[in-house]
Amino acid sequence: MNVWQLSGWLVLLGVGAVIALAGWLVLHYGRTRKQVGEARALALRRVATERTAAEQAAAEQAAAEQAAAARLAAERLAAKRAATERLAAERAAQEKSALEQAIGEWAAAEQAEGERLQHHRAGEDHREAEQLEARMQAVEDAIAEWLAAEQAGGGVIAVATPDKTPKKNYTRTEAIHQQIRLTVEKVEQEV
């Protein structure tokens, strides 16, 4: 073999080696790009999964916070409602107590007024009876004097007529109505 043939073979072998090296480099570059692409895709999937998990955790936390806020608002509302009901019950008890007291005072005033009217009526009846008795006595005395004068033979003697019975200024019903009005005004002033 001569040098030219040997150098042809060497050149051919060198070209084959360069082609093989170029092929290997292309394959290696392709595999590396593929691995980098897969790693990038895996990283993107991992980031997307982490982002989804973070968003889901944030949504769950927001839902938990909203539920806690709603529960707190419901508790506040229930406490406010209970306080309002308790205040209303206290007011109702106070109003009932004031009403019972007013009714008691009114009943006592009615009883006192009834007793006063009964006492007043008894006094009036007693005065009327005394005045009637005094008039009857005056009439009897006048008749006795007249008879005595007639028997004595004299003329007619003028006899003074007894006083009339004093008139009442108001009736019993008007007095009761007036007492009720006064009691109601007094209760309204106290309340």
C-alpha atoms as a PDB file:
ATOM      1  CA  MET A   1       0.000   0.000   0.000  1.00  0.00           C
ATOM      2  CA  ASN A   2       1.324   3.081  -0.713  1.00  0.00           C
ATOM      3  CA  VAL A   3       1.265   6.265   1.124  1.00  0.00           C
ATOM      4  CA  TRP A   4      -1.438   7.611  -1.013  1.00  0.00           C
ATOM      5  CA  GLN A   5      -3.667   4.774  -0.352  1.00  0.00           C
ATOM      6  CA  LEU A   6      -2.861   4.823   3.292  1.00  0.00           C
ATOM      7  CA  SER A   7      -3.503   8.486   3.532  1.00  0.00           C
ATOM      8  CA  GLY A   8      -6.824   7.933   1.636  1.00  0.00           C
ATOM      9  CA  TRP A   9      -7.788   5.327   4.161  1.00  0.00           C
ATOM     10  CA  LEU A  10      -6.755   7.570   6.981  1.00  0.00           C
ATOM     11  CA  VAL A  11      -8.682  10.461   5.524  1.00  0.00           C
ATOM     12  CA  LEU A  12     -11.642   8.192   5.009  1.00  0.00           C
ATOM     13  CA  LEU A  13     -11.279   6.911   8.535  1.00  0.00           C
ATOM     14  CA  GLY A  14     -10.943  10.491   9.804  1.00  0.00           C
ATOM     15  CA  VAL A  15     -14.027  11.567   7.845  1.00  0.00           C
ATOM     16  CA  GLY A  16     -15.891   8.546   9.219  1.00  0.00           C
ATOM     17  CA  ALA A  17     -14.700   9.448  12.723  1.00  0.00           C
ATOM     18  CA  VAL A  18     -15.787  13.070  12.222  1.00  0.00           C
ATOM     19  CA  ILE A  19     -19.180  11.908  10.914  1.00  0.00           C
ATOM     20  CA  ALA A  20     -19.509   9.463  13.812  1.00  0.00           C
ATOM     21  CA  LEU A  21     -18.499  12.188  16.243  1.00  0.00           C
ATOM     22  CA  ALA A  22     -20.930  14.599  14.606  1.00  0.00           C
ATOM     23  CA  GLY A  23     -23.682  11.940  14.796  1.00  0.00           C
ATOM     24  CA  TRP A  24     -22.879  11.225  18.387  1.00  0.00           C
ATOM     25  CA  LEU A  25     -22.857  14.982  19.190  1.00  0.00           C
ATOM     26  CA  VAL A  26     -26.218  15.426  17.452  1.00  0.00           C
ATOM     27  CA  LEU A  27     -27.682  12.484  19.377  1.00  0.00           C
ATOM     28  CA  HIS A  28     -26.152  13.673  22.631  1.00  0.00           C
ATOM     29  CA  TYR A  29     -27.430  17.210  22.000  1.00  0.00           C
ATOM     30  CA  GLY A  30     -30.886  15.833  21.170  1.00  0.00           C
ATOM     31  CA  ARG A  31     -30.968  13.695  24.332  1.00  0.00           C
ATOM     32  CA  THR A  32     -29.757  16.590  26.447  1.00  0.00           C
ATOM     33  CA  ARG A  33     -32.416  18.895  24.950  1.00  0.00           C
ATOM     34  CA  LYS A  34     -35.025  16.222  25.513  1.00  0.00           C
ATOM     35  CA  GLN A  35     -33.924  15.745  29.151  1.00  0.00           C
ATOM     36  CA  VAL A  36     -33.857  19.517  29.695  1.00  0.00           C
ATOM     37  CA  GLY A  37     -37.332  19.769  28.103  1.00  0.00           C
ATOM     38  CA  GLU A  38     -38.617  16.935  30.285  1.00  0.00           C
ATOM     39  CA  ALA A  39     -37.028  18.497  33.378  1.00  0.00           C
ATOM     40  CA  ARG A  40     -38.541  21.859  32.455  1.00  0.00           C
ATOM     41  CA  ALA A  41     -41.962  20.244  31.859  1.00  0.00           C
ATOM     42  CA  LEU A  42     -41.651  18.376  35.155  1.00  0.00           C
ATOM     43  CA  ALA A  43     -40.669  21.604  36.910  1.00  0.00           C
ATOM     44  CA  LEU A  44     -43.618  23.417  35.287  1.00  0.00           C
ATOM     45  CA  ARG A  45     -45.961  20.612  36.358  1.00  0.00           C
ATOM     46  CA  ARG A  46     -44.516  20.733  39.874  1.00  0.00           C
ATOM     47  CA  VAL A  47     -44.906  24.559  39.982  1.00  0.00           C
ATOM     48  CA  ALA A  48     -48.461  24.273  38.647  1.00  0.00           C
ATOM     49  CA  THR A  49     -49.261  21.587  41.219  1.00  0.00           C
ATOM     50  CA  GLU A  50     -47.727  23.671  43.997  1.00  0.00           C
ATOM     51  CA  ARG A  51     -49.600  26.779  42.784  1.00  0.00           C
ATOM     52  CA  THR A  52     -52.862  24.821  42.654  1.00  0.00           C
ATOM     53  CA  ALA A  53     -52.212  23.436  46.135  1.00  0.00           C
ATOM     54  CA  ALA A  54     -51.369  26.935  47.435  1.00  0.00           C
ATOM     55  CA  GLU A  55     -54.507  28.397  45.839  1.00  0.00           C
ATOM     56  CA  GLN A  56     -56.582  25.572  47.279  1.00  0.00           C
ATOM     57  CA  ALA A  57     -55.020  26.101  50.724  1.00  0.00           C
ATOM     58  CA  ALA A  58     -55.663  29.859  50.447  1.00  0.00           C
ATOM     59  CA  ALA A  59     -59.266  29.184  49.402  1.00  0.00           C
ATOM     60  CA  GLU A  60     -59.730  26.771  52.310  1.00  0.00           C
ATOM     61  CA  GLN A  61     -58.182  29.296  54.703  1.00  0.00           C
ATOM     62  CA  ALA A  62     -60.410  32.072  53.326  1.00  0.00           C
ATOM     63  CA  ALA A  63     -63.444  29.788  53.686  1.00  0.00           C
ATOM     64  CA  ALA A  64     -62.400  28.949  57.252  1.00  0.00           C
ATOM     65  CA  GLU A  65     -61.927  32.656  58.033  1.00  0.00           C
ATOM     66  CA  GLN A  66     -65.314  33.468  56.505  1.00  0.00           C
ATOM     67  CA  ALA A  67     -66.916  30.660  58.498  1.00  0.00           C
ATOM     68  CA  ALA A  68     -65.235  31.930  61.671  1.00  0.00           C
ATOM     69  CA  ALA A  69     -66.371  35.492  60.896  1.00  0.00           C
ATOM     70  CA  ALA A  70     -69.919  34.266  60.203  1.00  0.00           C
ATOM     71  CA  ARG A  71     -69.892  32.226  63.433  1.00  0.00           C
ATOM     72  CA  LEU A  72     -68.612  35.251  65.370  1.00  0.00           C
ATOM     73  CA  ALA A  73     -71.273  37.474  63.782  1.00  0.00           C
ATOM     74  CA  ALA A  74     -73.954  34.892  64.626  1.00  0.00           C
ATOM     75  CA  GLU A  75     -72.709  34.727  68.229  1.00  0.00           C
ATOM     76  CA  ARG A  76     -72.739  38.539  68.462  1.00  0.00           C
ATOM     77  CA  LEU A  77     -76.225  38.633  66.975  1.00  0.00           C
ATOM     78  CA  ALA A  78     -77.413  35.945  69.400  1.00  0.00           C
ATOM     79  CA  ALA A  79     -75.864  37.841  72.333  1.00  0.00           C
ATOM     80  CA  LYS A  80     -77.468  41.088  71.156  1.00  0.00           C
ATOM     81  CA  ARG A  81     -80.820  39.329  70.707  1.00  0.00           C
ATOM     82  CA  ALA A  82     -80.535  37.778  74.185  1.00  0.00           C
ATOM     83  CA  ALA A  83     -79.674  41.181  75.682  1.00  0.00           C
ATOM     84  CA  THR A  84     -82.619  42.764  73.853  1.00  0.00           C
ATOM     85  CA  GLU A  85     -84.975  40.021  75.044  1.00  0.00           C
ATOM     86  CA  ARG A  86     -83.651  40.341  78.608  1.00  0.00           C
ATOM     87  CA  LEU A  87     -84.109  44.126  78.477  1.00  0.00           C
ATOM     88  CA  ALA A  88     -87.629  43.703  77.076  1.00  0.00           C
ATOM     89  CA  ALA A  89     -88.457  41.204  79.836  1.00  0.00           C
ATOM     90  CA  GLU A  90     -87.112  43.604  82.475  1.00  0.00           C
ATOM     91  CA  ARG A  91     -89.131  46.478  80.997  1.00  0.00           C
ATOM     92  CA  ALA A  92     -92.243  44.297  80.874  1.00  0.00           C
ATOM     93  CA  ALA A  93     -91.693  43.307  84.511  1.00  0.00           C
ATOM     94  CA  GLN A  94     -91.222  46.965  85.493  1.00  0.00           C
ATOM     95  CA  GLU A  95     -94.323  48.000  83.559  1.00  0.00           C
ATOM     96  CA  LYS A  96     -96.292  45.135  85.116  1.00  0.00           C
ATOM     97  CA  SER A  97     -95.062  46.131  88.561  1.00  0.00           C
ATOM     98  CA  ALA A  98     -95.932  49.788  87.918  1.00  0.00           C
ATOM     99  CA  LEU A  99     -99.351  48.765  86.597  1.00  0.00           C
ATOM    100  CA  GLU A 100     -99.991  46.514  89.602  1.00  0.00           C
ATOM    101  CA  GLN A 101     -98.897  49.326  91.903  1.00  0.00           C
ATOM    102  CA  ALA A 102    -101.163  51.792  90.079  1.00  0.00           C
ATOM    103  CA  ILE A 103    -104.062  49.341  90.284  1.00  0.00           C
ATOM    104  CA  GLY A 104    -103.343  48.794  93.985  1.00  0.00           C
ATOM    105  CA  GLU A 105    -103.213  52.542  94.585  1.00  0.00           C
ATOM    106  CA  TRP A 106    -106.375  53.014  92.550  1.00  0.00           C
ATOM    107  CA  ALA A 107    -108.147  50.248  94.500  1.00  0.00           C
ATOM    108  CA  ALA A 108    -106.965  51.755  97.792  1.00  0.00           C
ATOM    109  CA  ALA A 109    -108.104  55.192  96.625  1.00  0.00           C
ATOM    110  CA  GLU A 110    -111.447  53.730  95.529  1.00  0.00           C
ATOM    111  CA  GLN A 111    -111.855  52.016  98.883  1.00  0.00           C
ATOM    112  CA  ALA A 112    -110.837  55.167 100.745  1.00  0.00           C
ATOM    113  CA  GLU A 113    -113.188  57.232  98.585  1.00  0.00           C
ATOM    114  CA  GLY A 114    -115.970  54.723  99.177  1.00  0.00           C
ATOM    115  CA  GLU A 115    -115.362  54.846 102.915  1.00  0.00           C
ATOM    116  CA  ARG A 116    -115.189  58.646 102.807  1.00  0.00           C
ATOM    117  CA  LEU A 117    -118.404  58.828 100.802  1.00  0.00           C
ATOM    118  CA  GLN A 118    -120.075  56.345 103.124  1.00  0.00           C
ATOM    119  CA  HIS A 119    -118.881  58.332 106.122  1.00  0.00           C
ATOM    120  CA  HIS A 120    -119.930  61.583 104.429  1.00  0.00           C
ATOM    121  CA  ARG A 121    -123.307  60.096 103.501  1.00  0.00           C
ATOM    122  CA  ALA A 122    -123.760  58.806 107.044  1.00  0.00           C
ATOM    123  CA  GLY A 123    -122.892  62.305 108.308  1.00  0.00           C
ATOM    124  CA  GLU A 124    -125.304  63.856 105.800  1.00  0.00           C
ATOM    125  CA  ASP A 125    -128.011  61.382 106.734  1.00  0.00           C
ATOM    126  CA  HIS A 126    -127.386  62.135 110.390  1.00  0.00           C
ATOM    127  CA  ARG A 127    -127.523  65.920 109.717  1.00  0.00           C
ATOM    128  CA  GLU A 128    -130.635  65.516 107.592  1.00  0.00           C
ATOM    129  CA  ALA A 129    -132.216  63.411 110.325  1.00  0.00           C
ATOM    130  CA  GLU A 130    -131.275  66.055 112.922  1.00  0.00           C
ATOM    131  CA  GLN A 131    -132.576  68.850 110.660  1.00  0.00           C
ATOM    132  CA  LEU A 132    -135.757  66.884 110.005  1.00  0.00           C
ATOM    133  CA  GLU A 133    -136.088  66.240 113.713  1.00  0.00           C
ATOM    134  CA  ALA A 134    -135.478  69.949 114.391  1.00  0.00           C
ATOM    135  CA  ARG A 135    -138.083  70.939 111.775  1.00  0.00           C
ATOM    136  CA  MET A 136    -140.547  68.426 113.131  1.00  0.00           C
ATOM    137  CA  GLN A 137    -139.887  69.766 116.611  1.00  0.00           C
ATOM    138  CA  ALA A 138    -140.291  73.335 115.287  1.00  0.00           C
ATOM    139  CA  VAL A 139    -143.524  72.338 113.534  1.00  0.00           C
ATOM    140  CA  GLU A 140    -144.757  70.652 116.696  1.00  0.00           C
ATOM    141  CA  ASP A 141    -143.772  73.719 118.731  1.00  0.00           C
ATOM    142  CA  ALA A 142    -145.452  76.011 116.193  1.00  0.00           C
ATOM    143  CA  ILE A 143    -148.573  73.863 116.236  1.00  0.00           C
ATOM    144  CA  ALA A 144    -148.501  73.800 120.016  1.00  0.00           C
ATOM    145  CA  GLU A 145    -148.122  77.610 120.126  1.00  0.00           C
ATOM    146  CA  TRP A 146    -150.836  78.064 117.565  1.00  0.00           C
ATOM    147  CA  LEU A 147    -153.127  75.761 119.498  1.00  0.00           C
ATOM    148  CA  ALA A 148    -152.256  77.562 122.693  1.00  0.00           C
ATOM    149  CA  ALA A 149    -152.916  80.910 121.013  1.00  0.00           C
ATOM    150  CA  GLU A 150    -156.198  79.657 119.551  1.00  0.00           C
ATOM    151  CA  GLN A 151    -157.231  78.408 122.926  1.00  0.00           C
ATOM    152  CA  ALA A 152    -156.219  81.625 124.524  1.00  0.00           C
ATOM    153  CA  GLY A 153    -158.513  83.283 122.061  1.00  0.00           C
ATOM    154  CA  GLY A 154    -156.062  85.206 120.227  1.00  0.00           C
ATOM    155  CA  GLY A 155    -155.366  85.733 116.560  1.00  0.00           C
ATOM    156  CA  VAL A 156    -153.145  83.887 114.282  1.00  0.00           C
ATOM    157  CA  ILE A 157    -149.494  84.001 115.160  1.00  0.00           C
ATOM    158  CA  ALA A 158    -146.886  83.923 112.432  1.00  0.00           C
ATOM    159  CA  VAL A 159    -144.686  80.950 112.775  1.00  0.00           C
ATOM    160  CA  ALA A 160    -141.209  80.773 111.251  1.00  0.00           C
ATOM    161  CA  THR A 161    -140.774  77.906 108.831  1.00  0.00           C
ATOM    162  CA  PRO A 162    -137.753  75.735 109.370  1.00  0.00           C
ATOM    163  CA  ASP A 163    -134.820  75.900 106.938  1.00  0.00           C
ATOM    164  CA  LYS A 164    -134.901  73.770 103.842  1.00  0.00           C
ATOM    165  CA  THR A 165    -132.569  70.823 103.498  1.00  0.00           C
ATOM    166  CA  PRO A 166    -129.301  71.913 101.882  1.00  0.00           C
ATOM    167  CA  LYS A 167    -128.849  70.679  98.336  1.00  0.00           C
ATOM    168  CA  LYS A 168    -125.944  68.482  97.306  1.00  0.00           C
ATOM    169  CA  ASN A 169    -123.417  70.009  94.892  1.00  0.00           C
ATOM    170  CA  TYR A 170    -122.693  66.729  93.082  1.00  0.00           C
ATOM    171  CA  THR A 171    -123.961  63.194  92.834  1.00  0.00           C
ATOM    172  CA  ARG A 172    -122.196  60.094  94.051  1.00  0.00           C
ATOM    173  CA  THR A 173    -121.434  58.988  90.464  1.00  0.00           C
ATOM    174  CA  GLU A 174    -119.871  62.369  89.658  1.00  0.00           C
ATOM    175  CA  ALA A 175    -117.731  62.100  92.802  1.00  0.00           C
ATOM    176  CA  ILE A 176    -116.521  58.611  91.795  1.00  0.00           C
ATOM    177  CA  HIS A 177    -115.706  59.801  88.247  1.00  0.00           C
ATOM    178  CA  GLN A 178    -113.826  62.791  89.617  1.00  0.00           C
ATOM    179  CA  GLN A 179    -111.825  60.539  91.976  1.00  0.00           C
ATOM    180  CA  ILE A 180    -110.955  58.168  89.107  1.00  0.00           C
ATOM    181  CA  ARG A 181    -109.775  61.107  86.959  1.00  0.00           C
ATOM    182  CA  LEU A 182    -107.616  62.419  89.805  1.00  0.00           C
ATOM    183  CA  THR A 183    -106.134  58.939  90.393  1.00  0.00           C
ATOM    184  CA  VAL A 184    -105.351  58.473  86.674  1.00  0.00           C
ATOM    185  CA  GLU A 185    -103.683  61.916  86.518  1.00  0.00           C
ATOM    186  CA  LYS A 186    -101.624  61.078  89.601  1.00  0.00           C
ATOM    187  CA  VAL A 187    -100.517  57.720  88.096  1.00  0.00           C
ATOM    188  CA  GLU A 188     -99.602  59.409  84.783  1.00  0.00           C
ATOM    189  CA  GLN A 189     -97.507  61.998  86.629  1.00  0.00           C
ATOM    190  CA  GLU A 190     -95.651  59.258  88.526  1.00  0.00           C
ATOM    191  CA  VAL A 191     -94.980  57.233  85.388  1.00  0.00           C
END
